[in-house]
PDB file of N, CA and C in Angstrom:
ATOM      1  N   MET A   1       8.976 -13.860   8.052  1.00  0.00           N
ATOM      2  CA  MET A   1       9.378 -12.497   6.846  1.00  0.00           C
ATOM      3  C   MET A   1       9.684 -12.886   5.545  1.00  0.00           C
ATOM      4  N   LEU A   2       9.302 -12.003   4.617  1.00  0.00           N
ATOM      5  CA  LEU A   2       9.579 -12.617   3.289  1.00  0.00           C
ATOM      6  C   LEU A   2      10.749 -11.861   2.659  1.00  0.00           C
ATOM      7  N   ILE A   3      11.996 -12.446   1.681  1.00  0.00           N
ATOM      8  CA  ILE A   3      12.715 -11.455   1.257  1.00  0.00           C
ATOM      9  C   ILE A   3      12.423 -11.088  -0.152  1.00  0.00           C
ATOM     10  N   LYS A   4      13.208 -10.064  -0.419  1.00  0.00           N
ATOM     11  CA  LYS A   4      12.449  -9.209  -2.017  1.00  0.00           C
ATOM     12  C   LYS A   4      12.452 -10.352  -2.780  1.00  0.00           C
ATOM     13  N   GLN A   5      12.872 -11.181  -3.002  1.00  0.00           N
ATOM     14  CA  GLN A   5      13.201 -12.321  -4.289  1.00  0.00           C
ATOM     15  C   GLN A   5      11.233 -12.630  -4.099  1.00  0.00           C
ATOM     16  N   GLU A   6      11.209 -13.411  -3.226  1.00  0.00           N
ATOM     17  CA  GLU A   6       9.242 -14.014  -2.992  1.00  0.00           C
ATOM     18  C   GLU A   6       8.814 -12.731  -3.103  1.00  0.00           C
ATOM     19  N   VAL A   7       8.897 -11.488  -2.689  1.00  0.00           N
ATOM     20  CA  VAL A   7       7.858 -10.664  -2.799  1.00  0.00           C
ATOM     21  C   VAL A   7       7.250 -10.125  -4.523  1.00  0.00           C
ATOM     22  N   TRP A   8       8.678 -10.000  -4.878  1.00  0.00           N
ATOM     23  CA  TRP A   8       8.543  -9.891  -6.449  1.00  0.00           C
ATOM     24  C   TRP A   8       7.695 -11.134  -7.399  1.00  0.00           C
ATOM     25  N   ALA A   9       8.097 -12.368  -7.047  1.00  0.00           N
ATOM     26  CA  ALA A   9       7.513 -13.512  -7.138  1.00  0.00           C
ATOM     27  C   ALA A   9       5.864 -13.381  -7.323  1.00  0.00           C
ATOM     28  N   MET A  10       6.114 -13.152  -5.645  1.00  0.00           N
ATOM     29  CA  MET A  10       4.396 -12.955  -5.924  1.00  0.00           C
ATOM     30  C   MET A  10       3.736 -11.881  -6.651  1.00  0.00           C
ATOM     31  N   LEU A  11       4.242 -10.795  -6.911  1.00  0.00           N
ATOM     32  CA  LEU A  11       3.544  -9.448  -7.612  1.00  0.00           C
ATOM     33  C   LEU A  11       3.866  -9.960  -9.044  1.00  0.00           C
ATOM     34  N   LYS A  12       4.739 -10.579  -9.469  1.00  0.00           N
ATOM     35  CA  LYS A  12       4.746 -11.437 -10.749  1.00  0.00           C
ATOM     36  C   LYS A  12       3.586 -12.096 -11.523  1.00  0.00           C
ATOM     37  N   PHE A  13       2.880 -12.989 -10.178  1.00  0.00           N
ATOM     38  CA  PHE A  13       2.027 -13.990 -10.392  1.00  0.00           C
ATOM     39  C   PHE A  13       0.505 -13.134 -10.468  1.00  0.00           C
ATOM     40  N   CYS A  14       0.236 -12.083  -9.807  1.00  0.00           N
ATOM     41  CA  CYS A  14      -0.776 -11.528  -9.397  1.00  0.00           C
ATOM     42  C   CYS A  14      -1.349 -10.564 -10.614  1.00  0.00           C
ATOM     43  N   THR A  15      -2.394 -10.788 -11.107  1.00  0.00           N
ATOM     44  CA  THR A  15      -3.187 -11.022 -12.346  1.00  0.00           C
ATOM     45  C   THR A  15      -3.867  -9.474 -12.021  1.00  0.00           C
ATOM     46  N   LEU A  16      -4.726  -9.287 -10.761  1.00  0.00           N
ATOM     47  CA  LEU A  16      -5.341  -8.290 -10.622  1.00  0.00           C
ATOM     48  C   LEU A  16      -4.537  -7.326  -9.670  1.00  0.00           C
ATOM     49  N   LEU A  17      -5.139  -5.891 -10.240  1.00  0.00           N
ATOM     50  CA  LEU A  17      -3.967  -4.536 -10.021  1.00  0.00           C
ATOM     51  C   LEU A  17      -3.985  -4.200  -8.209  1.00  0.00           C
ATOM     52  N   LYS A  18      -5.398  -4.954  -7.919  1.00  0.00           N
ATOM     53  CA  LYS A  18      -5.594  -4.363  -6.698  1.00  0.00           C
ATOM     54  C   LYS A  18      -4.650  -5.050  -5.560  1.00  0.00           C
ATOM     55  N   ASN A  19      -4.885  -6.419  -6.090  1.00  0.00           N
ATOM     56  CA  ASN A  19      -3.824  -7.319  -5.303  1.00  0.00           C
ATOM     57  C   ASN A  19      -2.692  -7.348  -5.485  1.00  0.00           C
ATOM     58  N   LYS A  20      -1.985  -6.588  -6.368  1.00  0.00           N
ATOM     59  CA  LYS A  20      -0.614  -6.167  -6.563  1.00  0.00           C
ATOM     60  C   LYS A  20      -0.313  -4.563  -5.471  1.00  0.00           C
ATOM     61  N   VAL A  21      -1.357  -4.109  -5.467  1.00  0.00           N
ATOM     62  CA  VAL A  21      -1.071  -2.808  -4.688  1.00  0.00           C
ATOM     63  C   VAL A  21      -1.348  -3.162  -3.444  1.00  0.00           C
ATOM     64  N   LEU A  22      -2.087  -4.118  -3.012  1.00  0.00           N
ATOM     65  CA  LEU A  22      -2.253  -4.925  -1.638  1.00  0.00           C
ATOM     66  C   LEU A  22      -0.927  -5.374  -1.040  1.00  0.00           C
ATOM     67  N   ILE A  23       0.073  -5.833  -1.817  1.00  0.00           N
ATOM     68  CA  ILE A  23       1.044  -6.790  -1.519  1.00  0.00           C
ATOM     69  C   ILE A  23       2.023  -5.467  -1.520  1.00  0.00           C
ATOM     70  N   GLY A  24       1.728  -4.536  -2.421  1.00  0.00           N
ATOM     71  CA  GLY A  24       3.222  -3.725  -2.202  1.00  0.00           C
ATOM     72  C   GLY A  24       2.882  -2.527  -0.556  1.00  0.00           C
ATOM     73  N   LEU A  25       1.417  -2.267  -0.412  1.00  0.00           N
ATOM     74  CA  LEU A  25       1.259  -1.648   0.984  1.00  0.00           C
ATOM     75  C   LEU A  25       1.462  -2.596   2.166  1.00  0.00           C
ATOM     76  N   LEU A  26       1.665  -4.058   2.234  1.00  0.00           N
ATOM     77  CA  LEU A  26       2.070  -4.731   3.400  1.00  0.00           C
ATOM     78  C   LEU A  26       3.184  -4.861   3.151  1.00  0.00           C
ATOM     79  N   TYR A  27       3.508  -4.833   2.244  1.00  0.00           N
ATOM     80  CA  TYR A  27       5.669  -4.969   1.956  1.00  0.00           C
ATOM     81  C   TYR A  27       5.952  -4.072   2.011  1.00  0.00           C
ATOM     82  N   GLY A  28       5.922  -2.993   0.971  1.00  0.00           N
ATOM     83  CA  GLY A  28       6.538  -1.618   1.071  1.00  0.00           C
ATOM     84  C   GLY A  28       6.572  -0.494   2.460  1.00  0.00           C
ATOM     85  N   CYS A  29       5.313  -0.719   2.882  1.00  0.00           N
ATOM     86  CA  CYS A  29       4.846   0.236   3.865  1.00  0.00           C
ATOM     87  C   CYS A  29       4.942  -0.447   5.152  1.00  0.00           C
ATOM     88  N   GLY A  30       5.646  -1.682   5.315  1.00  0.00           N
ATOM     89  CA  GLY A  30       4.858  -2.427   6.655  1.00  0.00           C
ATOM     90  C   GLY A  30       3.502  -2.530   7.296  1.00  0.00           C
ATOM     91  N   LEU A  31       2.660  -2.464   6.720  1.00  0.00           N
ATOM     92  CA  LEU A  31       1.128  -2.332   7.103  1.00  0.00           C
ATOM     93  C   LEU A  31       1.049  -3.424   7.502  1.00  0.00           C
ATOM     94  N   ARG A  32      -0.102  -3.234   8.406  1.00  0.00           N
ATOM     95  CA  ARG A  32      -0.811  -5.026   9.127  1.00  0.00           C
ATOM     96  C   ARG A  32      -1.990  -5.345   7.763  1.00  0.00           C
ATOM     97  N   CYS A  33      -2.516  -6.250   8.331  1.00  0.00           N
ATOM     98  CA  CYS A  33      -3.872  -6.637   7.256  1.00  0.00           C
ATOM     99  C   CYS A  33      -4.918  -5.617   7.719  1.00  0.00           C
ATOM    100  N   LEU A  34      -5.637  -5.414   8.664  1.00  0.00           N
ATOM    101  CA  LEU A  34      -6.538  -4.927   9.094  1.00  0.00           C
ATOM    102  C   LEU A  34      -6.178  -3.284   9.063  1.00  0.00           C
ATOM    103  N   GLU A  35      -5.110  -2.604   8.872  1.00  0.00           N
ATOM    104  CA  GLU A  35      -4.421  -1.537   8.272  1.00  0.00           C
ATOM    105  C   GLU A  35      -5.044  -1.110   6.680  1.00  0.00           C
ATOM    106  N   VAL A  36      -4.387  -2.482   5.994  1.00  0.00           N
ATOM    107  CA  VAL A  36      -4.801  -2.228   4.886  1.00  0.00           C
ATOM    108  C   VAL A  36      -5.731  -1.788   4.659  1.00  0.00           C
ATOM    109  N   ARG A  37      -6.616  -2.756   4.753  1.00  0.00           N
ATOM    110  CA  ARG A  37      -8.280  -2.662   4.774  1.00  0.00           C
ATOM    111  C   ARG A  37      -8.800  -1.680   5.227  1.00  0.00           C
ATOM    112  N   SER A  38      -8.330  -0.866   5.803  1.00  0.00           N
ATOM    113  CA  SER A  38      -9.095   0.701   6.170  1.00  0.00           C
ATOM    114  C   SER A  38      -8.186   1.838   5.503  1.00  0.00           C
ATOM    115  N   VAL A  39      -7.140   1.739   4.443  1.00  0.00           N
ATOM    116  CA  VAL A  39      -6.660   2.835   3.931  1.00  0.00           C
ATOM    117  C   VAL A  39      -7.897   3.370   2.875  1.00  0.00           C
ATOM    118  N   LYS A  40      -7.775   4.492   2.973  1.00  0.00           N
ATOM    119  CA  LYS A  40      -8.568   5.537   2.285  1.00  0.00           C
ATOM    120  C   LYS A  40      -7.679   6.578   1.178  1.00  0.00           C
ATOM    121  N   LEU A  41      -8.692   6.859   0.788  1.00  0.00           N
ATOM    122  CA  LEU A  41      -8.102   8.017  -0.814  1.00  0.00           C
ATOM    123  C   LEU A  41      -7.846   9.049   0.245  1.00  0.00           C
ATOM    124  N   ALA A  42      -8.214   9.565   1.120  1.00  0.00           N
ATOM    125  CA  ALA A  42      -7.601  10.445   2.021  1.00  0.00           C
ATOM    126  C   ALA A  42      -6.621  10.596   2.619  1.00  0.00           C
ATOM    127  N   ASP A  43      -6.305   9.295   3.046  1.00  0.00           N
ATOM    128  CA  ASP A  43      -5.012   9.046   3.666  1.00  0.00           C
ATOM    129  C   ASP A  43      -3.618   9.053   3.055  1.00  0.00           C
ATOM    130  N   LEU A  44      -3.913   9.152   1.804  1.00  0.00           N
ATOM    131  CA  LEU A  44      -2.568   9.232   0.836  1.00  0.00           C
ATOM    132  C   LEU A  44      -2.480  10.712   0.577  1.00  0.00           C
ATOM    133  N   ASP A  45      -1.175  10.668   0.591  1.00  0.00           N
ATOM    134  CA  ASP A  45      -0.318  12.258  -0.017  1.00  0.00           C
ATOM    135  C   ASP A  45       0.913  11.664  -1.045  1.00  0.00           C
ATOM    136  N   PHE A  46       0.567  12.277  -1.729  1.00  0.00           N
ATOM    137  CA  PHE A  46       1.243  12.028  -2.945  1.00  0.00           C
ATOM    138  C   PHE A  46       2.670  13.023  -2.843  1.00  0.00           C
ATOM    139  N   ASP A  47       1.877  13.994  -2.667  1.00  0.00           N
ATOM    140  CA  ASP A  47       2.644  15.094  -2.970  1.00  0.00           C
ATOM    141  C   ASP A  47       4.200  15.107  -1.498  1.00  0.00           C
ATOM    142  N   ARG A  48       3.877  14.967  -0.663  1.00  0.00           N
ATOM    143  CA  ARG A  48       4.443  14.655   0.871  1.00  0.00           C
ATOM    144  C   ARG A  48       4.878  13.104   0.800  1.00  0.00           C
ATOM    145  N   ARG A  49       4.550  12.232  -0.358  1.00  0.00           N
ATOM    146  CA  ARG A  49       4.911  11.112  -0.330  1.00  0.00           C
ATOM    147  C   ARG A  49       4.928  10.028   1.288  1.00  0.00           C
ATOM    148  N   GLN A  50       3.562  10.219   1.193  1.00  0.00           N
ATOM    149  CA  GLN A  50       3.047   9.183   2.552  1.00  0.00           C
ATOM    150  C   GLN A  50       1.922   8.875   2.797  1.00  0.00           C
ATOM    151  N   LEU A  51       1.499   7.922   3.719  1.00  0.00           N
ATOM    152  CA  LEU A  51       0.172   7.455   4.113  1.00  0.00           C
ATOM    153  C   LEU A  51      -0.226   7.347   5.377  1.00  0.00           C
ATOM    154  N   LYS A  52      -1.121   8.096   5.564  1.00  0.00           N
ATOM    155  CA  LYS A  52      -1.506   7.995   7.025  1.00  0.00           C
ATOM    156  C   LYS A  52      -2.480   6.757   7.558  1.00  0.00           C
ATOM    157  N   VAL A  53      -1.826   5.931   8.988  1.00  0.00           N
ATOM    158  CA  VAL A  53      -2.503   5.047   9.527  1.00  0.00           C
ATOM    159  C   VAL A  53      -3.397   5.508  10.664  1.00  0.00           C
ATOM    160  N   VAL A  54      -4.946   4.961  10.232  1.00  0.00           N
ATOM    161  CA  VAL A  54      -5.708   5.748  11.136  1.00  0.00           C
ATOM    162  C   VAL A  54      -5.916   4.790  12.263  1.00  0.00           C
ATOM    163  N   GLN A  55      -5.456   4.764  13.741  1.00  0.00           N
ATOM    164  CA  GLN A  55      -6.219   4.122  14.543  1.00  0.00           C
ATOM    165  C   GLN A  55      -5.163   2.585  14.276  1.00  0.00           C
ATOM    166  N   GLY A  56      -4.110   2.400  13.973  1.00  0.00           N
ATOM    167  CA  GLY A  56      -3.377   1.189  13.686  1.00  0.00           C
ATOM    168  C   GLY A  56      -2.750   1.027  15.058  1.00  0.00           C
ATOM    169  N   LYS A  57      -1.922   0.162  15.245  1.00  0.00           N
ATOM    170  CA  LYS A  57      -1.387  -0.986  16.482  1.00  0.00           C
ATOM    171  C   LYS A  57      -1.582   0.061  17.682  1.00  0.00           C
ATOM    172  N   GLY A  58      -2.304  -0.664  18.338  1.00  0.00           N
ATOM    173  CA  GLY A  58      -2.238   0.894  19.789  1.00  0.00           C
ATOM    174  C   GLY A  58      -3.141   1.579  19.696  1.00  0.00           C
ATOM    175  N   LYS A  59      -3.879   1.616  18.768  1.00  0.00           N
ATOM    176  CA  LYS A  59      -4.929   2.716  18.343  1.00  0.00           C
ATOM    177  C   LYS A  59      -4.332   3.924  18.520  1.00  0.00           C
ATOM    178  N   LYS A  60      -3.223   4.277  17.649  1.00  0.00           N
ATOM    179  CA  LYS A  60      -2.365   5.520  17.310  1.00  0.00           C
ATOM    180  C   LYS A  60      -2.401   5.554  15.628  1.00  0.00           C
ATOM    181  N   ASP A  61      -2.674   6.778  15.329  1.00  0.00           N
ATOM    182  CA  ASP A  61      -2.625   7.571  13.952  1.00  0.00           C
ATOM    183  C   ASP A  61      -0.822   7.405  13.754  1.00  0.00           C
ATOM    184  N   ARG A  62      -0.222   6.875  12.524  1.00  0.00           N
ATOM    185  CA  ARG A  62       1.251   7.186  12.261  1.00  0.00           C
ATOM    186  C   ARG A  62       1.539   7.630  10.903  1.00  0.00           C
ATOM    187  N   TYR A  63       2.249   7.894  10.307  1.00  0.00           N
ATOM    188  CA  TYR A  63       2.426   7.968   8.988  1.00  0.00           C
ATOM    189  C   TYR A  63       3.381   7.195   8.034  1.00  0.00           C
ATOM    190  N   VAL A  64       3.511   6.462   7.293  1.00  0.00           N
ATOM    191  CA  VAL A  64       4.562   6.112   6.716  1.00  0.00           C
ATOM    192  C   VAL A  64       5.113   6.450   5.246  1.00  0.00           C
ATOM    193  N   PRO A  65       6.430   6.114   4.751  1.00  0.00           N
ATOM    194  CA  PRO A  65       6.753   6.841   3.687  1.00  0.00           C
ATOM    195  C   PRO A  65       6.221   5.722   2.590  1.00  0.00           C
ATOM    196  N   LEU A  66       5.803   6.365   1.301  1.00  0.00           N
ATOM    197  CA  LEU A  66       5.242   5.701  -0.456  1.00  0.00           C
ATOM    198  C   LEU A  66       6.775   5.757  -0.589  1.00  0.00           C
ATOM    199  N   SER A  67       7.117   4.893  -1.664  1.00  0.00           N
ATOM    200  CA  SER A  67       8.041   4.988  -2.480  1.00  0.00           C
ATOM    201  C   SER A  67       7.388   5.285  -3.958  1.00  0.00           C
ATOM    202  N   GLU A  68       8.278   5.902  -4.948  1.00  0.00           N
ATOM    203  CA  GLU A  68       7.930   6.164  -5.960  1.00  0.00           C
ATOM    204  C   GLU A  68       6.902   5.232  -6.893  1.00  0.00           C
ATOM    205  N   HIS A  69       7.704   4.118  -6.647  1.00  0.00           N
ATOM    206  CA  HIS A  69       6.987   2.803  -7.288  1.00  0.00           C
ATOM    207  C   HIS A  69       5.564   2.785  -6.916  1.00  0.00           C
ATOM    208  N   LEU A  70       5.185   2.829  -5.389  1.00  0.00           N
ATOM    209  CA  LEU A  70       3.687   2.055  -4.718  1.00  0.00           C
ATOM    210  C   LEU A  70       2.817   3.461  -5.030  1.00  0.00           C
ATOM    211  N   ILE A  71       3.747   4.736  -5.102  1.00  0.00           N
ATOM    212  CA  ILE A  71       2.627   5.809  -5.836  1.00  0.00           C
ATOM    213  C   ILE A  71       2.340   5.857  -6.948  1.00  0.00           C
ATOM    214  N   ARG A  72       3.221   5.119  -8.005  1.00  0.00           N
ATOM    215  CA  ARG A  72       2.986   4.828  -9.341  1.00  0.00           C
ATOM    216  C   ARG A  72       1.752   4.030  -9.502  1.00  0.00           C
ATOM    217  N   GLY A  73       2.179   2.722  -8.618  1.00  0.00           N
ATOM    218  CA  GLY A  73       0.967   1.729  -8.839  1.00  0.00           C
ATOM    219  C   GLY A  73      -0.263   2.049  -8.383  1.00  0.00           C
ATOM    220  N   LEU A  74      -0.328   3.043  -6.905  1.00  0.00           N
ATOM    221  CA  LEU A  74      -1.399   3.665  -6.167  1.00  0.00           C
ATOM    222  C   LEU A  74      -2.571   4.332  -7.285  1.00  0.00           C
ATOM    223  N   LYS A  75      -1.487   5.352  -8.207  1.00  0.00           N
ATOM    224  CA  LYS A  75      -2.307   6.164  -8.999  1.00  0.00           C
ATOM    225  C   LYS A  75      -3.062   5.335 -10.682  1.00  0.00           C
ATOM    226  N   ASN A  76      -2.347   4.467 -10.788  1.00  0.00           N
ATOM    227  CA  ASN A  76      -2.772   3.385 -11.846  1.00  0.00           C
ATOM    228  C   ASN A  76      -4.290   2.962 -11.290  1.00  0.00           C
ATOM    229  N   TYR A  77      -4.207   2.421 -10.224  1.00  0.00           N
ATOM    230  CA  TYR A  77      -4.882   1.581  -9.418  1.00  0.00           C
ATOM    231  C   TYR A  77      -6.687   2.657  -9.731  1.00  0.00           C
ATOM    232  N   ILE A  78      -6.097   4.068  -8.462  1.00  0.00           N
ATOM    233  CA  ILE A  78      -6.793   4.613  -8.496  1.00  0.00           C
ATOM    234  C   ILE A  78      -7.605   5.315  -9.692  1.00  0.00           C
ATOM    235  N   SER A  79      -6.805   5.327 -11.122  1.00  0.00           N
ATOM    236  CA  SER A  79      -7.462   5.646 -12.320  1.00  0.00           C
ATOM    237  C   SER A  79      -8.350   4.791 -13.038  1.00  0.00           C
ATOM    238  N   ALA A  80      -7.889   3.643 -12.495  1.00  0.00           N
ATOM    239  CA  ALA A  80      -8.344   2.412 -13.740  1.00  0.00           C
ATOM    240  C   ALA A  80      -9.984   2.179 -12.414  1.00  0.00           C
ATOM    241  N   GLN A  81      -9.813   2.017 -11.686  1.00  0.00           N
ATOM    242  CA  GLN A  81     -10.810   1.213 -10.584  1.00  0.00           C
ATOM    243  C   GLN A  81     -12.007   2.392 -10.160  1.00  0.00           C
ATOM    244  N   ARG A  82     -11.512   3.663  -9.875  1.00  0.00           N
ATOM    245  CA  ARG A  82     -12.259   4.608  -8.952  1.00  0.00           C
ATOM    246  C   ARG A  82     -12.786   4.443  -7.992  1.00  0.00           C
ATOM    247  N   PRO A  83     -12.051   3.600  -7.224  1.00  0.00           N
ATOM    248  CA  PRO A  83     -12.588   3.102  -5.848  1.00  0.00           C
ATOM    249  C   PRO A  83     -12.937   4.216  -4.764  1.00  0.00           C
TER     250      PRO A  83
END
């Protein structure tokens, strides 16, 4: 498990916004690699500050909270890259 300083160091050296968002979802939401890869725009609920994880571990759906910092990063990524 990484400590907060190690995560910030990784984020500091990321040049692509996409990679920063991926690290944020992995660390900030506790998602697994397969779960991060399957996130869709429809799964994001910025009003409720949560992300729906579809078919996660055990093939179960669950909701995880999104921090304000991560929401800002996701919105920046969405507006810049239009995924």
